[in-house]
């Protein structure tokens, strides 16, 4: 575990060992909810392309949505 800038200790995602899928799924859901990434999994939203001449808020929101989806997927796939 490593300390973040806020002093909060970040936990590693849970590893799935191939046994007791239900418990592993609950642990992964809890982990993703704690990281504020569960919405990206549960809603499985598509990220719309940016409009022509986007403003900074649109760029920031677009990038955040893409990154949240990518982080959630990487946590799930890397810890299967």
N, C-alpha and C. Protein backbone atom coordinates (compact mmCIF):
# COMPACT_ATOMS: atom_id res chain seq x y z
N UNK A 1 0.85 -1.18 0.00
CA UNK A 1 0.00 0.00 0.00
C UNK A 1 0.89 1.24 0.00
N UNK A 2 0.44 2.25 -0.68
CA UNK A 2 1.25 3.46 -0.73
C UNK A 2 0.38 4.65 -0.36
N UNK A 3 0.98 5.64 0.21
CA UNK A 3 0.24 6.82 0.64
C UNK A 3 0.01 7.74 -0.54
N UNK A 4 -1.21 8.21 -0.68
CA UNK A 4 -1.53 9.19 -1.70
C UNK A 4 -1.25 10.59 -1.19
N UNK A 5 -1.49 11.58 -2.01
CA UNK A 5 -1.21 12.95 -1.62
C UNK A 5 -2.11 13.42 -0.49
N UNK A 6 -3.26 12.77 -0.31
CA UNK A 6 -4.18 13.16 0.75
C UNK A 6 -3.88 12.44 2.06
N UNK A 7 -2.88 11.56 2.07
CA UNK A 7 -2.58 10.79 3.26
C UNK A 7 -3.40 9.51 3.35
N UNK A 8 -4.28 9.27 2.41
CA UNK A 8 -5.10 8.07 2.38
C UNK A 8 -4.28 6.92 1.82
N UNK A 9 -4.34 5.76 2.45
CA UNK A 9 -3.61 4.60 1.97
C UNK A 9 -4.43 3.90 0.89
N UNK A 10 -3.87 3.79 -0.30
CA UNK A 10 -4.55 3.15 -1.41
C UNK A 10 -4.33 1.64 -1.34
N UNK A 11 -5.40 0.89 -1.48
CA UNK A 11 -5.32 -0.57 -1.46
C UNK A 11 -5.22 -1.08 -2.88
N UNK A 12 -4.53 -2.20 -3.04
CA UNK A 12 -4.45 -2.85 -4.35
C UNK A 12 -5.78 -3.53 -4.65
N UNK A 13 -6.13 -3.64 -5.92
CA UNK A 13 -7.37 -4.33 -6.27
C UNK A 13 -7.31 -5.79 -5.82
N UNK A 14 -8.45 -6.37 -5.46
CA UNK A 14 -8.47 -7.77 -5.01
C UNK A 14 -8.12 -8.71 -6.16
N UNK A 15 -7.42 -9.78 -5.84
CA UNK A 15 -7.06 -10.80 -6.83
C UNK A 15 -8.11 -11.91 -6.81
N UNK A 16 -8.49 -12.40 -7.97
CA UNK A 16 -9.42 -13.52 -8.07
C UNK A 16 -8.61 -14.77 -8.28
N UNK A 17 -8.74 -15.74 -7.38
CA UNK A 17 -7.92 -16.95 -7.42
C UNK A 17 -8.61 -18.11 -8.14
N UNK A 18 -9.75 -17.87 -8.74
CA UNK A 18 -10.45 -18.92 -9.47
C UNK A 18 -11.48 -19.67 -8.63
N UNK A 19 -11.52 -19.38 -7.35
CA UNK A 19 -12.49 -20.03 -6.46
C UNK A 19 -13.42 -18.99 -5.88
N UNK A 20 -14.64 -19.41 -5.59
CA UNK A 20 -15.65 -18.56 -4.96
C UNK A 20 -15.86 -17.26 -5.75
N UNK A 21 -16.39 -17.42 -6.95
CA UNK A 21 -16.60 -16.28 -7.84
C UNK A 21 -17.46 -15.20 -7.19
N UNK A 22 -18.52 -15.60 -6.50
CA UNK A 22 -19.45 -14.62 -5.92
C UNK A 22 -18.71 -13.69 -4.94
N UNK A 23 -17.89 -14.24 -4.08
CA UNK A 23 -17.15 -13.41 -3.13
C UNK A 23 -16.16 -12.51 -3.87
N UNK A 24 -15.51 -13.03 -4.90
CA UNK A 24 -14.57 -12.23 -5.68
C UNK A 24 -15.27 -11.08 -6.39
N UNK A 25 -16.46 -11.35 -6.91
CA UNK A 25 -17.22 -10.30 -7.60
C UNK A 25 -17.64 -9.20 -6.63
N UNK A 26 -18.04 -9.59 -5.43
CA UNK A 26 -18.43 -8.60 -4.41
C UNK A 26 -17.23 -7.75 -4.01
N UNK A 27 -16.07 -8.38 -3.83
CA UNK A 27 -14.86 -7.64 -3.46
C UNK A 27 -14.46 -6.66 -4.58
N UNK A 28 -14.53 -7.10 -5.83
CA UNK A 28 -14.15 -6.22 -6.94
C UNK A 28 -15.13 -5.06 -7.06
N UNK A 29 -16.42 -5.33 -6.89
CA UNK A 29 -17.41 -4.25 -6.96
C UNK A 29 -17.16 -3.23 -5.86
N UNK A 30 -16.89 -3.71 -4.65
CA UNK A 30 -16.62 -2.80 -3.53
C UNK A 30 -15.37 -1.97 -3.80
N UNK A 31 -14.35 -2.60 -4.36
CA UNK A 31 -13.11 -1.88 -4.68
C UNK A 31 -13.38 -0.80 -5.72
N UNK A 32 -14.09 -1.14 -6.79
CA UNK A 32 -14.37 -0.17 -7.85
C UNK A 32 -15.27 0.96 -7.36
N UNK A 33 -16.22 0.64 -6.47
CA UNK A 33 -17.05 1.69 -5.89
C UNK A 33 -16.20 2.64 -5.05
N UNK A 34 -15.27 2.08 -4.30
CA UNK A 34 -14.38 2.91 -3.48
C UNK A 34 -13.48 3.81 -4.31
N UNK A 35 -13.16 3.37 -5.51
CA UNK A 35 -12.34 4.18 -6.43
C UNK A 35 -13.19 5.08 -7.31
N UNK A 36 -14.50 5.06 -7.11
CA UNK A 36 -15.46 5.84 -7.90
C UNK A 36 -15.41 5.45 -9.38
N UNK A 37 -15.28 4.13 -9.63
CA UNK A 37 -15.22 3.63 -11.00
C UNK A 37 -16.36 2.69 -11.34
N UNK A 38 -17.20 2.35 -10.38
CA UNK A 38 -18.24 1.36 -10.62
C UNK A 38 -19.24 1.83 -11.67
N UNK A 39 -19.52 3.12 -11.74
CA UNK A 39 -20.46 3.65 -12.73
C UNK A 39 -20.04 3.29 -14.16
N UNK A 40 -18.74 3.32 -14.41
CA UNK A 40 -18.23 2.99 -15.75
C UNK A 40 -18.52 1.55 -16.11
N UNK A 41 -18.57 0.67 -15.14
CA UNK A 41 -18.85 -0.75 -15.37
C UNK A 41 -20.35 -0.99 -15.44
N UNK A 42 -21.06 -0.48 -14.46
CA UNK A 42 -22.49 -0.75 -14.34
C UNK A 42 -23.29 -0.17 -15.50
N UNK A 43 -22.99 1.05 -15.88
CA UNK A 43 -23.77 1.71 -16.92
C UNK A 43 -23.24 1.40 -18.32
N UNK A 44 -22.00 0.96 -18.43
CA UNK A 44 -21.38 0.64 -19.72
C UNK A 44 -21.71 1.70 -20.77
N UNK A 45 -21.45 2.94 -20.41
CA UNK A 45 -21.75 4.07 -21.30
C UNK A 45 -20.74 4.17 -22.43
N UNK A 46 -21.18 4.75 -23.53
CA UNK A 46 -20.28 5.07 -24.64
C UNK A 46 -19.88 6.53 -24.50
N UNK A 47 -18.64 6.81 -24.78
CA UNK A 47 -18.14 8.18 -24.71
C UNK A 47 -18.32 8.82 -26.08
N UNK A 48 -19.15 9.85 -26.13
CA UNK A 48 -19.42 10.54 -27.39
C UNK A 48 -18.19 11.34 -27.82
N UNK A 49 -17.98 11.45 -29.12
CA UNK A 49 -16.83 12.24 -29.58
C UNK A 49 -17.00 13.72 -29.23
N UNK A 50 -15.88 14.40 -29.13
CA UNK A 50 -15.92 15.83 -28.84
C UNK A 50 -16.51 16.60 -30.02
N UNK A 51 -17.26 17.67 -29.74
CA UNK A 51 -17.77 18.50 -30.84
C UNK A 51 -16.64 19.34 -31.43
N UNK A 52 -16.91 19.98 -32.54
CA UNK A 52 -15.94 20.89 -33.13
C UNK A 52 -15.72 22.06 -32.17
N UNK A 53 -14.50 22.49 -32.04
CA UNK A 53 -14.13 23.61 -31.16
C UNK A 53 -14.66 23.44 -29.74
N UNK A 54 -14.28 22.36 -29.06
CA UNK A 54 -14.79 22.14 -27.70
C UNK A 54 -14.18 23.14 -26.72
N UNK A 55 -14.94 23.42 -25.67
CA UNK A 55 -14.41 24.28 -24.61
C UNK A 55 -13.64 23.39 -23.63
N UNK A 56 -12.89 24.00 -22.75
CA UNK A 56 -12.03 23.26 -21.83
C UNK A 56 -12.82 22.28 -20.95
N UNK A 57 -13.99 22.68 -20.49
CA UNK A 57 -14.81 21.79 -19.64
C UNK A 57 -15.24 20.54 -20.41
N UNK A 58 -15.57 20.70 -21.69
CA UNK A 58 -15.95 19.55 -22.50
C UNK A 58 -14.77 18.61 -22.70
N UNK A 59 -13.59 19.15 -22.91
CA UNK A 59 -12.39 18.33 -23.09
C UNK A 59 -12.08 17.58 -21.80
N UNK A 60 -12.14 18.27 -20.68
CA UNK A 60 -11.86 17.66 -19.38
C UNK A 60 -12.86 16.54 -19.08
N UNK A 61 -14.15 16.80 -19.29
CA UNK A 61 -15.19 15.80 -19.03
C UNK A 61 -15.01 14.58 -19.94
N UNK A 62 -14.71 14.82 -21.20
CA UNK A 62 -14.51 13.74 -22.17
C UNK A 62 -13.33 12.86 -21.75
N UNK A 63 -12.24 13.49 -21.40
CA UNK A 63 -11.05 12.74 -20.98
C UNK A 63 -11.32 11.95 -19.70
N UNK A 64 -12.03 12.56 -18.76
CA UNK A 64 -12.36 11.89 -17.49
C UNK A 64 -13.21 10.65 -17.74
N UNK A 65 -14.19 10.75 -18.60
CA UNK A 65 -15.07 9.60 -18.89
C UNK A 65 -14.28 8.47 -19.54
N UNK A 66 -13.38 8.80 -20.46
CA UNK A 66 -12.56 7.78 -21.11
C UNK A 66 -11.63 7.11 -20.09
N UNK A 67 -11.00 7.92 -19.25
CA UNK A 67 -10.06 7.39 -18.27
C UNK A 67 -10.75 6.52 -17.22
N UNK A 68 -11.94 6.91 -16.78
CA UNK A 68 -12.66 6.10 -15.79
C UNK A 68 -12.98 4.73 -16.35
N UNK A 69 -13.40 4.69 -17.60
CA UNK A 69 -13.71 3.41 -18.24
C UNK A 69 -12.46 2.56 -18.39
N UNK A 70 -11.37 3.18 -18.81
CA UNK A 70 -10.12 2.45 -19.00
C UNK A 70 -9.56 1.93 -17.68
N UNK A 71 -9.62 2.74 -16.63
CA UNK A 71 -9.14 2.30 -15.32
C UNK A 71 -9.96 1.13 -14.79
N UNK A 72 -11.27 1.23 -14.88
CA UNK A 72 -12.12 0.15 -14.39
C UNK A 72 -11.83 -1.14 -15.14
N UNK A 73 -11.72 -1.06 -16.46
CA UNK A 73 -11.42 -2.26 -17.25
C UNK A 73 -10.05 -2.83 -16.90
N UNK A 74 -9.06 -1.98 -16.75
CA UNK A 74 -7.72 -2.49 -16.46
C UNK A 74 -7.66 -3.15 -15.09
N UNK A 75 -8.35 -2.60 -14.10
CA UNK A 75 -8.38 -3.22 -12.77
C UNK A 75 -9.02 -4.60 -12.85
N UNK A 76 -10.11 -4.70 -13.57
CA UNK A 76 -10.81 -5.99 -13.65
C UNK A 76 -10.00 -7.02 -14.42
N UNK A 77 -9.44 -6.64 -15.56
CA UNK A 77 -8.71 -7.60 -16.37
C UNK A 77 -7.37 -8.01 -15.77
N UNK A 78 -6.70 -7.07 -15.13
CA UNK A 78 -5.38 -7.36 -14.56
C UNK A 78 -5.46 -8.24 -13.32
N UNK A 79 -6.60 -8.28 -12.66
CA UNK A 79 -6.70 -8.99 -11.40
C UNK A 79 -7.66 -10.16 -11.45
N UNK A 80 -7.80 -10.73 -12.63
CA UNK A 80 -8.62 -11.93 -12.76
C UNK A 80 -7.86 -13.13 -12.31
